[in-house]
Amino acid sequence: MKLTKVYKFTGKLSAISYQLSAISYQLSDISYQLSAISYQISAISYQLSAISYQLSAISYQRLAHAKRTAFE
């Protein structure tokens, strides 16, 4: 009788362990996806910084050109 209870309890523990493993796997998958999203956001941020730098360079070139033509 007691052995049956032990088997049932062990079975419940195994089921809980399996569920926790499944949750752990899902959380790992979510973590991986979030890391991928973070990497993509960083790449976009880098691209926007590059565009900003290029626009600043164009702005300075136009300003320099305007100053040159103003004195001519």
PDB file of N, CA and C in Angstrom:
ATOM      1  N   MET A   1       0.823  -1.193   0.000  1.00  0.00           N
ATOM      2  CA  MET A   1       0.000   0.000   0.000  1.00  0.00           C
ATOM      3  C   MET A   1       0.866   1.256   0.000  1.00  0.00           C
ATOM      4  N   LYS A   2       1.872   1.269   0.896  1.00  0.00           N
ATOM      5  CA  LYS A   2       2.733   2.446   0.963  1.00  0.00           C
ATOM      6  C   LYS A   2       3.575   2.572  -0.297  1.00  0.00           C
ATOM      7  N   LEU A   3       3.955   1.446  -0.868  1.00  0.00           N
ATOM      8  CA  LEU A   3       4.764   1.474  -2.086  1.00  0.00           C
ATOM      9  C   LEU A   3       3.977   2.102  -3.228  1.00  0.00           C
ATOM     10  N   THR A   4       2.683   1.857  -3.280  1.00  0.00           N
ATOM     11  CA  THR A   4       1.830   2.457  -4.307  1.00  0.00           C
ATOM     12  C   THR A   4       1.801   3.972  -4.154  1.00  0.00           C
ATOM     13  N   LYS A   5       1.712   4.450  -2.907  1.00  0.00           N
ATOM     14  CA  LYS A   5       1.720   5.892  -2.657  1.00  0.00           C
ATOM     15  C   LYS A   5       3.051   6.508  -3.079  1.00  0.00           C
ATOM     16  N   VAL A   6       4.127   5.795  -2.813  1.00  0.00           N
ATOM     17  CA  VAL A   6       5.450   6.286  -3.205  1.00  0.00           C
ATOM     18  C   VAL A   6       5.528   6.388  -4.724  1.00  0.00           C
ATOM     19  N   TYR A   7       5.027   5.379  -5.427  1.00  0.00           N
ATOM     20  CA  TYR A   7       5.041   5.412  -6.894  1.00  0.00           C
ATOM     21  C   TYR A   7       4.202   6.577  -7.432  1.00  0.00           C
ATOM     22  N   LYS A   8       3.028   6.785  -6.828  1.00  0.00           N
ATOM     23  CA  LYS A   8       2.176   7.892  -7.264  1.00  0.00           C
ATOM     24  C   LYS A   8       2.868   9.235  -7.025  1.00  0.00           C
ATOM     25  N   PHE A   9       3.479   9.368  -5.850  1.00  0.00           N
ATOM     26  CA  PHE A   9       4.172  10.611  -5.515  1.00  0.00           C
ATOM     27  C   PHE A   9       5.344  10.838  -6.466  1.00  0.00           C
ATOM     28  N   THR A  10       6.082   9.777  -6.746  1.00  0.00           N
ATOM     29  CA  THR A  10       7.203   9.873  -7.679  1.00  0.00           C
ATOM     30  C   THR A  10       6.713  10.264  -9.065  1.00  0.00           C
ATOM     31  N   GLY A  11       5.587   9.705  -9.462  1.00  0.00           N
ATOM     32  CA  GLY A  11       4.999  10.050 -10.756  1.00  0.00           C
ATOM     33  C   GLY A  11       4.614  11.522 -10.819  1.00  0.00           C
ATOM     34  N   LYS A  12       4.043  12.034  -9.721  1.00  0.00           N
ATOM     35  CA  LYS A  12       3.675  13.450  -9.679  1.00  0.00           C
ATOM     36  C   LYS A  12       4.921  14.331  -9.755  1.00  0.00           C
ATOM     37  N   LEU A  13       5.960  13.932  -9.035  1.00  0.00           N
ATOM     38  CA  LEU A  13       7.205  14.701  -9.076  1.00  0.00           C
ATOM     39  C   LEU A  13       7.808  14.694 -10.477  1.00  0.00           C
ATOM     40  N   SER A  14       7.731  13.554 -11.130  1.00  0.00           N
ATOM     41  CA  SER A  14       8.247  13.465 -12.499  1.00  0.00           C
ATOM     42  C   SER A  14       7.458  14.368 -13.436  1.00  0.00           C
ATOM     43  N   ALA A  15       6.146  14.407 -13.261  1.00  0.00           N
ATOM     44  CA  ALA A  15       5.304  15.270 -14.097  1.00  0.00           C
ATOM     45  C   ALA A  15       5.638  16.736 -13.859  1.00  0.00           C
ATOM     46  N   ILE A  16       5.822  17.106 -12.602  1.00  0.00           N
ATOM     47  CA  ILE A  16       6.194  18.488 -12.275  1.00  0.00           C
ATOM     48  C   ILE A  16       7.557  18.819 -12.872  1.00  0.00           C
ATOM     49  N   SER A  17       8.479  17.895 -12.751  1.00  0.00           N
ATOM     50  CA  SER A  17       9.819  18.099 -13.312  1.00  0.00           C
ATOM     51  C   SER A  17       9.751  18.290 -14.819  1.00  0.00           C
ATOM     52  N   TYR A  18       8.928  17.505 -15.481  1.00  0.00           N
ATOM     53  CA  TYR A  18       8.763  17.624 -16.930  1.00  0.00           C
ATOM     54  C   TYR A  18       8.174  18.984 -17.289  1.00  0.00           C
ATOM     55  N   GLN A  19       7.161  19.416 -16.537  1.00  0.00           N
ATOM     56  CA  GLN A  19       6.542  20.716 -16.808  1.00  0.00           C
ATOM     57  C   GLN A  19       7.539  21.849 -16.597  1.00  0.00           C
ATOM     58  N   LEU A  20       8.329  21.748 -15.543  1.00  0.00           N
ATOM     59  CA  LEU A  20       9.336  22.782 -15.290  1.00  0.00           C
ATOM     60  C   LEU A  20      10.391  22.808 -16.389  1.00  0.00           C
ATOM     61  N   SER A  21      10.740  21.644 -16.885  1.00  0.00           N
ATOM     62  CA  SER A  21      11.692  21.587 -17.997  1.00  0.00           C
ATOM     63  C   SER A  21      11.108  22.245 -19.242  1.00  0.00           C
ATOM     64  N   ALA A  22       9.830  22.002 -19.494  1.00  0.00           N
ATOM     65  CA  ALA A  22       9.165  22.618 -20.648  1.00  0.00           C
ATOM     66  C   ALA A  22       9.124  24.133 -20.497  1.00  0.00           C
ATOM     67  N   ILE A  23       8.819  24.611 -19.297  1.00  0.00           N
ATOM     68  CA  ILE A  23       8.804  26.054 -19.037  1.00  0.00           C
ATOM     69  C   ILE A  23      10.196  26.634 -19.227  1.00  0.00           C
ATOM     70  N   SER A  24      11.194  25.939 -18.726  1.00  0.00           N
ATOM     71  CA  SER A  24      12.578  26.390 -18.874  1.00  0.00           C
ATOM     72  C   SER A  24      12.962  26.496 -20.340  1.00  0.00           C
ATOM     73  N   TYR A  25      12.548  25.522 -21.130  1.00  0.00           N
ATOM     74  CA  TYR A  25      12.834  25.549 -22.566  1.00  0.00           C
ATOM     75  C   TYR A  25      12.151  26.741 -23.225  1.00  0.00           C
ATOM     76  N   GLN A  26      10.897  26.985 -22.868  1.00  0.00           N
ATOM     77  CA  GLN A  26      10.166  28.117 -23.443  1.00  0.00           C
ATOM     78  C   GLN A  26      10.819  29.441 -23.060  1.00  0.00           C
ATOM     79  N   LEU A  27      11.246  29.551 -21.808  1.00  0.00           N
ATOM     80  CA  LEU A  27      11.906  30.781 -21.367  1.00  0.00           C
ATOM     81  C   LEU A  27      13.234  30.984 -22.089  1.00  0.00           C
ATOM     82  N   SER A  28      13.941  29.894 -22.323  1.00  0.00           N
ATOM     83  CA  SER A  28      15.193  29.998 -23.076  1.00  0.00           C
ATOM     84  C   SER A  28      14.923  30.465 -24.496  1.00  0.00           C
ATOM     85  N   ASP A  29      13.856  29.951 -25.094  1.00  0.00           N
ATOM     86  CA  ASP A  29      13.486  30.360 -26.449  1.00  0.00           C
ATOM     87  C   ASP A  29      13.116  31.840 -26.483  1.00  0.00           C
ATOM     88  N   ILE A  30      12.348  32.283 -25.493  1.00  0.00           N
ATOM     89  CA  ILE A  30      11.975  33.701 -25.409  1.00  0.00           C
ATOM     90  C   ILE A  30      13.222  34.559 -25.233  1.00  0.00           C
ATOM     91  N   SER A  31      14.129  34.111 -24.384  1.00  0.00           N
ATOM     92  CA  SER A  31      15.374  34.848 -24.160  1.00  0.00           C
ATOM     93  C   SER A  31      16.172  34.968 -25.448  1.00  0.00           C
ATOM     94  N   TYR A  32      16.225  33.892 -26.215  1.00  0.00           N
ATOM     95  CA  TYR A  32      16.941  33.924 -27.497  1.00  0.00           C
ATOM     96  C   TYR A  32      16.277  34.914 -28.451  1.00  0.00           C
ATOM     97  N   GLN A  33      14.955  34.891 -28.511  1.00  0.00           N
ATOM     98  CA  GLN A  33      14.229  35.805 -29.398  1.00  0.00           C
ATOM     99  C   GLN A  33      14.449  37.258 -28.986  1.00  0.00           C
ATOM    100  N   LEU A  34      14.436  37.511 -27.672  1.00  0.00           N
ATOM    101  CA  LEU A  34      14.672  38.874 -27.192  1.00  0.00           C
ATOM    102  C   LEU A  34      16.091  39.333 -27.511  1.00  0.00           C
ATOM    103  N   SER A  35      17.042  38.416 -27.424  1.00  0.00           N
ATOM    104  CA  SER A  35      18.419  38.760 -27.783  1.00  0.00           C
ATOM    105  C   SER A  35      18.513  39.111 -29.262  1.00  0.00           C
ATOM    106  N   ALA A  36      17.807  38.360 -30.090  1.00  0.00           N
ATOM    107  CA  ALA A  36      17.806  38.638 -31.529  1.00  0.00           C
ATOM    108  C   ALA A  36      17.176  40.000 -31.808  1.00  0.00           C
ATOM    109  N   ILE A  37      16.085  40.304 -31.119  1.00  0.00           N
ATOM    110  CA  ILE A  37      15.433  41.606 -31.285  1.00  0.00           C
ATOM    111  C   ILE A  37      16.369  42.724 -30.832  1.00  0.00           C
ATOM    112  N   SER A  38      17.038  42.510 -29.707  1.00  0.00           N
ATOM    113  CA  SER A  38      17.985  43.503 -29.197  1.00  0.00           C
ATOM    114  C   SER A  38      19.101  43.752 -30.197  1.00  0.00           C
ATOM    115  N   TYR A  39      19.581  42.686 -30.815  1.00  0.00           N
ATOM    116  CA  TYR A  39      20.637  42.832 -31.823  1.00  0.00           C
ATOM    117  C   TYR A  39      20.127  43.633 -33.016  1.00  0.00           C
ATOM    118  N   GLN A  40      18.907  43.352 -33.449  1.00  0.00           N
ATOM    119  CA  GLN A  40      18.331  44.082 -34.582  1.00  0.00           C
ATOM    120  C   GLN A  40      18.149  45.563 -34.246  1.00  0.00           C
ATOM    121  N   ILE A  41      17.697  45.844 -33.028  1.00  0.00           N
ATOM    122  CA  ILE A  41      17.533  47.238 -32.610  1.00  0.00           C
ATOM    123  C   ILE A  41      18.883  47.946 -32.587  1.00  0.00           C
ATOM    124  N   SER A  42      19.912  47.256 -32.111  1.00  0.00           N
ATOM    125  CA  SER A  42      21.251  47.847 -32.100  1.00  0.00           C
ATOM    126  C   SER A  42      21.726  48.134 -33.518  1.00  0.00           C
ATOM    127  N   ALA A  43      21.450  47.224 -34.434  1.00  0.00           N
ATOM    128  CA  ALA A  43      21.847  47.423 -35.829  1.00  0.00           C
ATOM    129  C   ALA A  43      21.118  48.624 -36.428  1.00  0.00           C
ATOM    130  N   ILE A  44      19.835  48.745 -36.145  1.00  0.00           N
ATOM    131  CA  ILE A  44      19.056  49.887 -36.634  1.00  0.00           C
ATOM    132  C   ILE A  44      19.605  51.181 -36.041  1.00  0.00           C
ATOM    133  N   SER A  45      19.911  51.155 -34.747  1.00  0.00           N
ATOM    134  CA  SER A  45      20.469  52.337 -34.090  1.00  0.00           C
ATOM    135  C   SER A  45      21.782  52.747 -34.735  1.00  0.00           C
ATOM    136  N   TYR A  46      22.609  51.773 -35.045  1.00  0.00           N
ATOM    137  CA  TYR A  46      23.882  52.070 -35.704  1.00  0.00           C
ATOM    138  C   TYR A  46      23.641  52.688 -37.077  1.00  0.00           C
ATOM    139  N   GLN A  47      22.695  52.140 -37.823  1.00  0.00           N
ATOM    140  CA  GLN A  47      22.386  52.682 -39.150  1.00  0.00           C
ATOM    141  C   GLN A  47      21.849  54.109 -39.054  1.00  0.00           C
ATOM    142  N   LEU A  48      20.997  54.364 -38.072  1.00  0.00           N
ATOM    143  CA  LEU A  48      20.466  55.716 -37.892  1.00  0.00           C
ATOM    144  C   LEU A  48      21.570  56.694 -37.511  1.00  0.00           C
ATOM    145  N   SER A  49      22.519  56.238 -36.707  1.00  0.00           N
ATOM    146  CA  SER A  49      23.656  57.094 -36.356  1.00  0.00           C
ATOM    147  C   SER A  49      24.483  57.422 -37.590  1.00  0.00           C
ATOM    148  N   ALA A  50      24.675  56.439 -38.446  1.00  0.00           N
ATOM    149  CA  ALA A  50      25.430  56.665 -39.681  1.00  0.00           C
ATOM    150  C   ALA A  50      24.705  57.661 -40.579  1.00  0.00           C
ATOM    151  N   ILE A  51      23.395  57.523 -40.692  1.00  0.00           N
ATOM    152  CA  ILE A  51      22.605  58.465 -41.495  1.00  0.00           C
ATOM    153  C   ILE A  51      22.703  59.872 -40.902  1.00  0.00           C
ATOM    154  N   SER A  52      22.606  59.963 -39.583  1.00  0.00           N
ATOM    155  CA  SER A  52      22.713  61.258 -38.915  1.00  0.00           C
ATOM    156  C   SER A  52      24.065  61.899 -39.187  1.00  0.00           C
ATOM    157  N   TYR A  53      25.108  61.099 -39.139  1.00  0.00           N
ATOM    158  CA  TYR A  53      26.451  61.617 -39.422  1.00  0.00           C
ATOM    159  C   TYR A  53      26.530  62.121 -40.859  1.00  0.00           C
ATOM    160  N   GLN A  54      25.976  61.366 -41.794  1.00  0.00           N
ATOM    161  CA  GLN A  54      25.996  61.777 -43.201  1.00  0.00           C
ATOM    162  C   GLN A  54      25.205  63.067 -43.413  1.00  0.00           C
ATOM    163  N   LEU A  55      24.062  63.179 -42.763  1.00  0.00           N
ATOM    164  CA  LEU A  55      23.260  64.399 -42.889  1.00  0.00           C
ATOM    165  C   LEU A  55      23.987  65.602 -42.292  1.00  0.00           C
ATOM    166  N   SER A  56      24.687  65.381 -41.190  1.00  0.00           N
ATOM    167  CA  SER A  56      25.473  66.466 -40.598  1.00  0.00           C
ATOM    168  C   SER A  56      26.577  66.907 -41.543  1.00  0.00           C
ATOM    169  N   ALA A  57      27.229  65.945 -42.178  1.00  0.00           N
ATOM    170  CA  ALA A  57      28.290  66.274 -43.129  1.00  0.00           C
ATOM    171  C   ALA A  57      27.731  67.078 -44.296  1.00  0.00           C
ATOM    172  N   ILE A  58      26.575  66.689 -44.804  1.00  0.00           N
ATOM    173  CA  ILE A  58      25.937  67.434 -45.901  1.00  0.00           C
ATOM    174  C   ILE A  58      25.597  68.850 -45.439  1.00  0.00           C
ATOM    175  N   SER A  59      25.077  68.962 -44.230  1.00  0.00           N
ATOM    176  CA  SER A  59      24.714  70.272 -43.695  1.00  0.00           C
ATOM    177  C   SER A  59      25.936  71.177 -43.589  1.00  0.00           C
ATOM    178  N   TYR A  60      27.044  70.635 -43.103  1.00  0.00           N
ATOM    179  CA  TYR A  60      28.270  71.435 -42.993  1.00  0.00           C
ATOM    180  C   TYR A  60      28.790  71.833 -44.373  1.00  0.00           C
ATOM    181  N   GLN A  61      28.682  70.928 -45.334  1.00  0.00           N
ATOM    182  CA  GLN A  61      29.130  71.253 -46.694  1.00  0.00           C
ATOM    183  C   GLN A  61      28.290  72.386 -47.283  1.00  0.00           C
ATOM    184  N   ARG A  62      26.994  72.330 -47.069  1.00  0.00           N
ATOM    185  CA  ARG A  62      26.114  73.390 -47.584  1.00  0.00           C
ATOM    186  C   ARG A  62      26.414  74.718 -46.894  1.00  0.00           C
ATOM    187  N   LEU A  63      26.669  74.659 -45.591  1.00  0.00           N
ATOM    188  CA  LEU A  63      26.991  75.871 -44.851  1.00  0.00           C
ATOM    189  C   LEU A  63      28.293  76.475 -45.359  1.00  0.00           C
ATOM    190  N   ALA A  64      29.289  75.633 -45.577  1.00  0.00           N
ATOM    191  CA  ALA A  64      30.574  76.110 -46.093  1.00  0.00           C
ATOM    192  C   ALA A  64      30.397  76.700 -47.487  1.00  0.00           C
ATOM    193  N   HIS A  65      29.590  76.062 -48.304  1.00  0.00           N
ATOM    194  CA  HIS A  65      29.340  76.570 -49.655  1.00  0.00           C
ATOM    195  C   HIS A  65      28.615  77.920 -49.592  1.00  0.00           C
ATOM    196  N   ALA A  66      27.647  78.028 -48.699  1.00  0.00           N
ATOM    197  CA  ALA A  66      26.901  79.284 -48.555  1.00  0.00           C
ATOM    198  C   ALA A  66      27.823  80.410 -48.098  1.00  0.00           C
ATOM    199  N   LYS A  67      28.743  80.098 -47.184  1.00  0.00           N
ATOM    200  CA  LYS A  67      29.679  81.125 -46.714  1.00  0.00           C
ATOM    201  C   LYS A  67      30.611  81.560 -47.841  1.00  0.00           C
ATOM    202  N   ARG A  68      31.067  80.596 -48.644  1.00  0.00           N
ATOM    203  CA  ARG A  68      31.965  80.930 -49.766  1.00  0.00           C
ATOM    204  C   ARG A  68      31.255  81.816 -50.780  1.00  0.00           C
ATOM    205  N   THR A  69      30.037  81.450 -51.116  1.00  0.00           N
ATOM    206  CA  THR A  69      29.312  82.225 -52.134  1.00  0.00           C
ATOM    207  C   THR A  69      28.895  83.589 -51.600  1.00  0.00           C
ATOM    208  N   ALA A  70      28.733  83.709 -50.292  1.00  0.00           N
ATOM    209  CA  ALA A  70      28.350  84.999 -49.711  1.00  0.00           C
ATOM    210  C   ALA A  70      29.487  86.001 -49.820  1.00  0.00           C
ATOM    211  N   PHE A  71      30.725  85.504 -49.759  1.00  0.00           N
ATOM    212  CA  PHE A  71      31.882  86.400 -49.826  1.00  0.00           C
ATOM    213  C   PHE A  71      32.340  86.657 -51.253  1.00  0.00           C
ATOM    214  N   GLU A  72      31.788  85.970 -52.205  1.00  0.00           N
ATOM    215  CA  GLU A  72      32.227  86.159 -53.605  1.00  0.00           C
ATOM    216  C   GLU A  72      31.486  87.277 -54.285  1.00  0.00           C
TER     217      GLU A  72
END
